């Protein structure tokens, strides 16, 4: 097992599709559009078979951190609770940028619009990955 595969396996202990969907269901409105959109971009990018293990490890690590109930800034802190999550998610997005295509963006945007309404603003995250 090479270094990237090992890192991917280590990060998987905190991530699963089921855990991610559960967390999103519980915190979507509180976390806000930017956090949810970033999570969904990473989630849909992770589904692409051409994404290399190094990038997969970064994505799984970021999504695992988002799922964890304990983090640097507790999510219950109003206004700042998801700042650390968003920072880690954006870092993973930078590493995955070349794999985030229009299809991934479309799927993530559709889901965000379903949860938050059609007038959502995803420009904060889109600006970071273009």
N, C-alpha and C. Protein backbone atom coordinates (compact mmCIF):
# COMPACT_ATOMS: atom_id res chain seq x y z
N UNK A 1 0.86 -1.18 0.00
CA UNK A 1 0.00 0.00 0.00
C UNK A 1 0.90 1.24 0.00
N UNK A 2 0.68 2.14 -0.97
CA UNK A 2 1.51 3.34 -1.01
C UNK A 2 1.00 4.39 -0.03
N UNK A 3 1.73 5.47 0.09
CA UNK A 3 1.43 6.54 1.06
C UNK A 3 0.02 7.10 0.89
N UNK A 4 -0.37 7.34 -0.36
CA UNK A 4 -1.69 7.92 -0.62
C UNK A 4 -2.82 6.96 -0.27
N UNK A 5 -2.63 5.68 -0.57
CA UNK A 5 -3.63 4.69 -0.21
C UNK A 5 -3.76 4.55 1.30
N UNK A 6 -2.62 4.61 1.99
CA UNK A 6 -2.64 4.52 3.44
C UNK A 6 -3.37 5.71 4.05
N UNK A 7 -3.08 6.92 3.54
CA UNK A 7 -3.76 8.12 4.03
C UNK A 7 -5.26 8.04 3.76
N UNK A 8 -5.63 7.54 2.60
CA UNK A 8 -7.05 7.39 2.27
C UNK A 8 -7.73 6.43 3.24
N UNK A 9 -7.11 5.31 3.53
CA UNK A 9 -7.68 4.34 4.47
C UNK A 9 -7.81 4.92 5.87
N UNK A 10 -6.82 5.68 6.30
CA UNK A 10 -6.88 6.30 7.64
C UNK A 10 -8.02 7.31 7.72
N UNK A 11 -8.21 8.09 6.67
CA UNK A 11 -9.26 9.10 6.67
C UNK A 11 -10.65 8.49 6.59
N UNK A 12 -10.77 7.30 6.02
CA UNK A 12 -12.07 6.66 5.87
C UNK A 12 -12.72 6.29 7.20
N UNK A 13 -11.95 6.19 8.28
CA UNK A 13 -12.55 5.79 9.55
C UNK A 13 -13.51 6.84 10.10
N UNK A 14 -13.41 8.07 9.62
CA UNK A 14 -14.31 9.13 10.07
C UNK A 14 -15.37 9.49 9.03
N UNK A 15 -15.31 8.84 7.87
CA UNK A 15 -16.21 9.21 6.78
C UNK A 15 -17.00 7.99 6.29
N UNK A 16 -18.27 8.24 6.00
CA UNK A 16 -19.09 7.30 5.24
C UNK A 16 -20.21 8.12 4.61
N UNK A 17 -20.77 7.63 3.52
CA UNK A 17 -21.89 8.33 2.89
C UNK A 17 -23.04 8.50 3.87
N UNK A 18 -23.31 7.45 4.64
CA UNK A 18 -24.42 7.48 5.59
C UNK A 18 -24.19 8.55 6.67
N UNK A 19 -22.97 8.62 7.21
CA UNK A 19 -22.66 9.63 8.24
C UNK A 19 -22.77 11.04 7.66
N UNK A 20 -22.29 11.20 6.42
CA UNK A 20 -22.35 12.52 5.79
C UNK A 20 -23.79 12.96 5.58
N UNK A 21 -24.62 12.09 5.06
CA UNK A 21 -26.02 12.44 4.82
C UNK A 21 -26.74 12.75 6.13
N UNK A 22 -26.42 12.01 7.17
CA UNK A 22 -27.02 12.26 8.48
C UNK A 22 -26.61 13.65 9.00
N UNK A 23 -25.33 13.95 8.92
CA UNK A 23 -24.83 15.25 9.40
C UNK A 23 -25.45 16.39 8.59
N UNK A 24 -25.48 16.26 7.28
CA UNK A 24 -26.06 17.32 6.45
C UNK A 24 -27.53 17.52 6.78
N UNK A 25 -28.24 16.44 7.00
CA UNK A 25 -29.66 16.55 7.36
C UNK A 25 -29.88 17.30 8.65
N UNK A 26 -28.97 17.13 9.58
CA UNK A 26 -29.09 17.78 10.89
C UNK A 26 -28.66 19.25 10.87
N UNK A 27 -27.65 19.59 10.07
CA UNK A 27 -27.05 20.92 10.22
C UNK A 27 -27.11 21.81 8.99
N UNK A 28 -27.75 21.38 7.93
CA UNK A 28 -27.70 22.14 6.67
C UNK A 28 -28.08 23.61 6.85
N UNK A 29 -29.21 23.87 7.47
CA UNK A 29 -29.66 25.25 7.60
C UNK A 29 -28.72 26.06 8.49
N UNK A 30 -28.26 25.46 9.57
CA UNK A 30 -27.37 26.17 10.50
C UNK A 30 -25.99 26.40 9.88
N UNK A 31 -25.49 25.42 9.14
CA UNK A 31 -24.16 25.53 8.55
C UNK A 31 -24.14 26.57 7.43
N UNK A 32 -25.23 26.66 6.69
CA UNK A 32 -25.33 27.65 5.63
C UNK A 32 -24.97 27.12 4.25
N UNK A 33 -25.30 27.93 3.27
CA UNK A 33 -25.15 27.57 1.87
C UNK A 33 -23.71 27.25 1.51
N UNK A 34 -22.76 28.10 1.92
CA UNK A 34 -21.37 27.90 1.51
C UNK A 34 -20.81 26.58 2.00
N UNK A 35 -21.05 26.25 3.26
CA UNK A 35 -20.55 24.99 3.82
C UNK A 35 -21.21 23.81 3.12
N UNK A 36 -22.51 23.85 2.97
CA UNK A 36 -23.23 22.73 2.35
C UNK A 36 -22.81 22.57 0.89
N UNK A 37 -22.68 23.66 0.18
CA UNK A 37 -22.26 23.60 -1.23
C UNK A 37 -20.85 23.01 -1.33
N UNK A 38 -19.94 23.44 -0.48
CA UNK A 38 -18.57 22.90 -0.48
C UNK A 38 -18.59 21.40 -0.20
N UNK A 39 -19.37 20.97 0.78
CA UNK A 39 -19.49 19.55 1.11
C UNK A 39 -20.00 18.77 -0.10
N UNK A 40 -21.03 19.28 -0.74
CA UNK A 40 -21.61 18.58 -1.88
C UNK A 40 -20.66 18.53 -3.08
N UNK A 41 -19.93 19.60 -3.32
CA UNK A 41 -18.94 19.58 -4.39
C UNK A 41 -17.91 18.47 -4.14
N UNK A 42 -17.44 18.39 -2.90
CA UNK A 42 -16.47 17.36 -2.57
C UNK A 42 -17.09 15.96 -2.68
N UNK A 43 -18.29 15.83 -2.19
CA UNK A 43 -18.98 14.53 -2.23
C UNK A 43 -19.12 14.04 -3.67
N UNK A 44 -19.61 14.89 -4.55
CA UNK A 44 -19.81 14.47 -5.94
C UNK A 44 -18.48 14.27 -6.67
N UNK A 45 -17.46 15.02 -6.31
CA UNK A 45 -16.13 14.81 -6.90
C UNK A 45 -15.58 13.46 -6.46
N UNK A 46 -15.81 13.10 -5.23
CA UNK A 46 -15.35 11.81 -4.70
C UNK A 46 -15.95 10.63 -5.47
N UNK A 47 -17.10 10.81 -6.06
CA UNK A 47 -17.77 9.74 -6.81
C UNK A 47 -17.11 9.46 -8.17
N UNK A 48 -16.27 10.37 -8.63
CA UNK A 48 -15.66 10.23 -9.95
C UNK A 48 -14.49 9.24 -9.88
N UNK A 49 -14.50 8.22 -10.72
CA UNK A 49 -13.46 7.19 -10.65
C UNK A 49 -12.06 7.69 -11.01
N UNK A 50 -11.95 8.75 -11.77
CA UNK A 50 -10.63 9.23 -12.19
C UNK A 50 -9.89 10.05 -11.13
N UNK A 51 -10.53 10.33 -10.03
CA UNK A 51 -9.89 11.12 -8.97
C UNK A 51 -8.82 10.25 -8.30
N UNK A 52 -7.57 10.73 -8.28
CA UNK A 52 -6.49 9.93 -7.70
C UNK A 52 -6.60 9.81 -6.17
N UNK A 53 -5.95 8.78 -5.63
CA UNK A 53 -6.03 8.51 -4.20
C UNK A 53 -5.56 9.69 -3.34
N UNK A 54 -4.58 10.43 -3.79
CA UNK A 54 -4.09 11.57 -3.01
C UNK A 54 -5.22 12.60 -2.82
N UNK A 55 -5.94 12.87 -3.88
CA UNK A 55 -7.06 13.82 -3.82
C UNK A 55 -8.22 13.20 -3.04
N UNK A 56 -8.47 11.92 -3.26
CA UNK A 56 -9.51 11.22 -2.50
C UNK A 56 -9.25 11.31 -0.99
N UNK A 57 -8.00 11.11 -0.61
CA UNK A 57 -7.63 11.17 0.81
C UNK A 57 -7.93 12.55 1.38
N UNK A 58 -7.63 13.58 0.63
CA UNK A 58 -7.90 14.95 1.07
C UNK A 58 -9.41 15.18 1.22
N UNK A 59 -10.17 14.73 0.24
CA UNK A 59 -11.63 14.89 0.28
C UNK A 59 -12.23 14.12 1.46
N UNK A 60 -11.84 12.87 1.59
CA UNK A 60 -12.38 12.04 2.67
C UNK A 60 -11.99 12.61 4.03
N UNK A 61 -10.77 13.13 4.14
CA UNK A 61 -10.34 13.75 5.39
C UNK A 61 -11.17 14.98 5.73
N UNK A 62 -11.43 15.82 4.74
CA UNK A 62 -12.23 17.03 4.95
C UNK A 62 -13.67 16.69 5.30
N UNK A 63 -14.25 15.74 4.59
CA UNK A 63 -15.63 15.35 4.88
C UNK A 63 -15.72 14.65 6.23
N UNK A 64 -14.71 13.87 6.56
CA UNK A 64 -14.66 13.24 7.88
C UNK A 64 -14.59 14.27 8.99
N UNK A 65 -13.80 15.31 8.80
CA UNK A 65 -13.71 16.39 9.78
C UNK A 65 -15.06 17.07 9.95
N UNK A 66 -15.74 17.30 8.83
CA UNK A 66 -17.06 17.92 8.87
C UNK A 66 -18.04 17.05 9.67
N UNK A 67 -17.95 15.75 9.51
CA UNK A 67 -18.85 14.83 10.19
C UNK A 67 -18.58 14.75 11.69
N UNK A 68 -17.30 14.81 12.07
CA UNK A 68 -16.94 14.63 13.48
C UNK A 68 -17.70 15.59 14.39
N UNK A 69 -18.20 15.11 15.51
CA UNK A 69 -18.92 15.98 16.43
C UNK A 69 -17.99 16.90 17.22
N UNK A 70 -16.72 16.57 17.27
CA UNK A 70 -15.75 17.38 18.01
C UNK A 70 -14.79 17.98 17.00
N UNK A 71 -14.64 19.29 17.02
CA UNK A 71 -13.66 19.92 16.16
C UNK A 71 -13.09 21.16 16.82
N UNK A 72 -12.21 21.85 16.12
CA UNK A 72 -11.49 22.98 16.67
C UNK A 72 -12.42 24.04 17.24
N UNK A 73 -13.39 24.45 16.47
CA UNK A 73 -14.41 25.40 16.92
C UNK A 73 -15.74 24.66 16.94
N UNK A 74 -16.29 24.41 18.11
CA UNK A 74 -17.56 23.67 18.16
C UNK A 74 -18.62 24.33 17.28
N UNK A 75 -19.35 23.48 16.55
CA UNK A 75 -20.35 23.96 15.61
C UNK A 75 -21.48 24.72 16.29
N UNK A 76 -21.59 24.61 17.60
CA UNK A 76 -22.65 25.30 18.32
C UNK A 76 -22.35 26.78 18.54
N UNK A 77 -21.11 27.22 18.28
CA UNK A 77 -20.78 28.64 18.43
C UNK A 77 -21.47 29.41 17.30
N UNK A 78 -22.42 30.22 17.65
CA UNK A 78 -23.20 30.97 16.65
C UNK A 78 -22.28 31.92 15.89
N UNK A 79 -22.37 31.84 14.56
CA UNK A 79 -21.62 32.75 13.71
C UNK A 79 -20.22 32.28 13.34
N UNK A 80 -19.57 31.51 14.21
CA UNK A 80 -18.21 31.07 13.90
C UNK A 80 -18.03 29.55 13.95
N UNK A 81 -19.06 28.83 14.32
CA UNK A 81 -18.94 27.40 14.53
C UNK A 81 -18.54 26.59 13.32
N UNK A 82 -18.79 27.08 12.13
CA UNK A 82 -18.45 26.33 10.92
C UNK A 82 -17.27 26.93 10.16
N UNK A 83 -16.62 27.93 10.74
CA UNK A 83 -15.48 28.57 10.07
C UNK A 83 -14.35 27.57 9.86
N UNK A 84 -14.04 26.78 10.89
CA UNK A 84 -12.97 25.79 10.74
C UNK A 84 -13.35 24.72 9.73
N UNK A 85 -14.60 24.29 9.75
CA UNK A 85 -15.05 23.29 8.77
C UNK A 85 -14.88 23.84 7.36
N UNK A 86 -15.33 25.08 7.14
CA UNK A 86 -15.26 25.67 5.81
C UNK A 86 -13.81 25.81 5.35
N UNK A 87 -12.92 26.18 6.27
CA UNK A 87 -11.50 26.31 5.92
C UNK A 87 -10.94 24.99 5.43
N UNK A 88 -11.25 23.92 6.13
CA UNK A 88 -10.76 22.59 5.74
C UNK A 88 -11.41 22.13 4.44
N UNK A 89 -12.70 22.41 4.29
CA UNK A 89 -13.40 22.03 3.05
C UNK A 89 -12.82 22.77 1.85
N UNK A 90 -12.54 24.07 2.00
CA UNK A 90 -11.98 24.85 0.90
C UNK A 90 -10.58 24.36 0.55
N UNK A 91 -9.79 23.98 1.54
CA UNK A 91 -8.46 23.44 1.27
C UNK A 91 -8.57 22.18 0.41
N UNK A 92 -9.52 21.31 0.74
CA UNK A 92 -9.73 20.10 -0.06
C UNK A 92 -10.25 20.47 -1.46
N UNK A 93 -11.10 21.49 -1.53
CA UNK A 93 -11.60 21.93 -2.84
C UNK A 93 -10.45 22.38 -3.74
N UNK A 94 -9.49 23.13 -3.17
CA UNK A 94 -8.34 23.57 -3.97
C UNK A 94 -7.59 22.37 -4.55
N UNK A 95 -7.44 21.32 -3.75
CA UNK A 95 -6.72 20.14 -4.21
C UNK A 95 -7.53 19.37 -5.26
N UNK A 96 -8.84 19.51 -5.23
CA UNK A 96 -9.71 18.77 -6.15
C UNK A 96 -10.19 19.59 -7.34
N UNK A 97 -9.77 20.83 -7.42
CA UNK A 97 -10.29 21.76 -8.43
C UNK A 97 -10.31 21.19 -9.84
N UNK A 98 -9.26 20.52 -10.25
CA UNK A 98 -9.20 20.04 -11.64
C UNK A 98 -10.19 18.89 -11.91
N UNK A 99 -10.81 18.37 -10.86
CA UNK A 99 -11.79 17.29 -11.03
C UNK A 99 -13.23 17.78 -10.82
N UNK A 100 -13.38 19.04 -10.47
CA UNK A 100 -14.71 19.62 -10.26
C UNK A 100 -15.16 20.22 -11.58
N UNK A 101 -15.99 19.48 -12.29
CA UNK A 101 -16.46 19.92 -13.60
C UNK A 101 -17.89 20.45 -13.51
N UNK A 102 -18.44 20.82 -14.66
CA UNK A 102 -19.80 21.38 -14.69
C UNK A 102 -20.84 20.40 -14.16
N UNK A 103 -20.64 19.11 -14.39
CA UNK A 103 -21.59 18.11 -13.90
C UNK A 103 -21.60 18.08 -12.37
N UNK A 104 -20.43 18.10 -11.77
CA UNK A 104 -20.32 18.11 -10.30
C UNK A 104 -20.97 19.38 -9.75
N UNK A 105 -20.65 20.52 -10.35
CA UNK A 105 -21.24 21.79 -9.89
C UNK A 105 -22.76 21.78 -10.02
N UNK A 106 -23.24 21.24 -11.13
CA UNK A 106 -24.69 21.19 -11.36
C UNK A 106 -25.40 20.33 -10.32
N UNK A 107 -24.85 19.15 -10.03
CA UNK A 107 -25.45 18.27 -9.03
C UNK A 107 -25.47 18.95 -7.65
N UNK A 108 -24.35 19.56 -7.28
CA UNK A 108 -24.26 20.23 -5.98
C UNK A 108 -25.23 21.41 -5.91
N UNK A 109 -25.28 22.18 -6.97
CA UNK A 109 -26.17 23.35 -7.00
C UNK A 109 -27.64 22.92 -6.92
N UNK A 110 -28.01 21.88 -7.65
CA UNK A 110 -29.40 21.39 -7.61
C UNK A 110 -29.81 21.01 -6.19
N UNK A 111 -28.92 20.32 -5.49
CA UNK A 111 -29.22 19.88 -4.13
C UNK A 111 -29.33 21.09 -3.19
N UNK A 112 -28.42 22.04 -3.34
CA UNK A 112 -28.45 23.25 -2.50
C UNK A 112 -29.73 24.04 -2.76
N UNK A 113 -30.11 24.15 -4.01
CA UNK A 113 -31.35 24.86 -4.35
C UNK A 113 -32.57 24.14 -3.78
N UNK A 114 -32.54 22.82 -3.76
CA UNK A 114 -33.66 22.06 -3.20
C UNK A 114 -33.79 22.33 -1.70
N UNK A 115 -32.67 22.52 -1.02
CA UNK A 115 -32.70 22.74 0.43
C UNK A 115 -32.89 24.19 0.82
N UNK A 116 -32.31 25.11 0.03
CA UNK A 116 -32.30 26.52 0.42
C UNK A 116 -33.12 27.43 -0.48
N UNK A 117 -33.59 26.93 -1.61
CA UNK A 117 -34.34 27.76 -2.55
C UNK A 117 -33.50 28.12 -3.75
N UNK A 118 -34.16 28.52 -4.82
CA UNK A 118 -33.47 28.77 -6.08
C UNK A 118 -32.62 30.04 -6.09
N UNK A 119 -32.81 30.91 -5.13
CA UNK A 119 -32.07 32.18 -5.14
C UNK A 119 -30.78 32.11 -4.30
N UNK A 120 -30.22 30.90 -4.13
CA UNK A 120 -29.00 30.76 -3.34
C UNK A 120 -27.82 31.40 -4.06
N UNK A 121 -26.86 31.84 -3.26
CA UNK A 121 -25.65 32.44 -3.80
C UNK A 121 -24.47 31.53 -3.47
N UNK A 122 -23.92 30.90 -4.50
CA UNK A 122 -22.78 30.01 -4.32
C UNK A 122 -21.48 30.65 -4.80
N UNK A 123 -21.51 31.95 -5.06
CA UNK A 123 -20.36 32.63 -5.66
C UNK A 123 -19.13 32.62 -4.77
N UNK A 124 -19.31 32.59 -3.45
CA UNK A 124 -18.14 32.57 -2.55
C UNK A 124 -17.29 31.33 -2.83
N UNK A 125 -17.92 30.17 -2.93
CA UNK A 125 -17.21 28.93 -3.18
C UNK A 125 -16.82 28.82 -4.66
N UNK A 126 -17.71 29.16 -5.56
CA UNK A 126 -17.39 29.10 -6.99
C UNK A 126 -16.17 29.95 -7.32
N UNK A 127 -16.06 31.11 -6.68
CA UNK A 127 -14.92 31.99 -6.91
C UNK A 127 -13.60 31.38 -6.47
N UNK A 128 -13.65 30.51 -5.50
CA UNK A 128 -12.43 29.88 -4.99
C UNK A 128 -11.95 28.72 -5.85
N UNK A 129 -12.84 28.15 -6.66
CA UNK A 129 -12.45 26.97 -7.44
C UNK A 129 -12.38 27.22 -8.93
N UNK A 130 -12.57 28.43 -9.36
CA UNK A 130 -12.50 28.72 -10.80
C UNK A 130 -11.13 29.22 -11.18
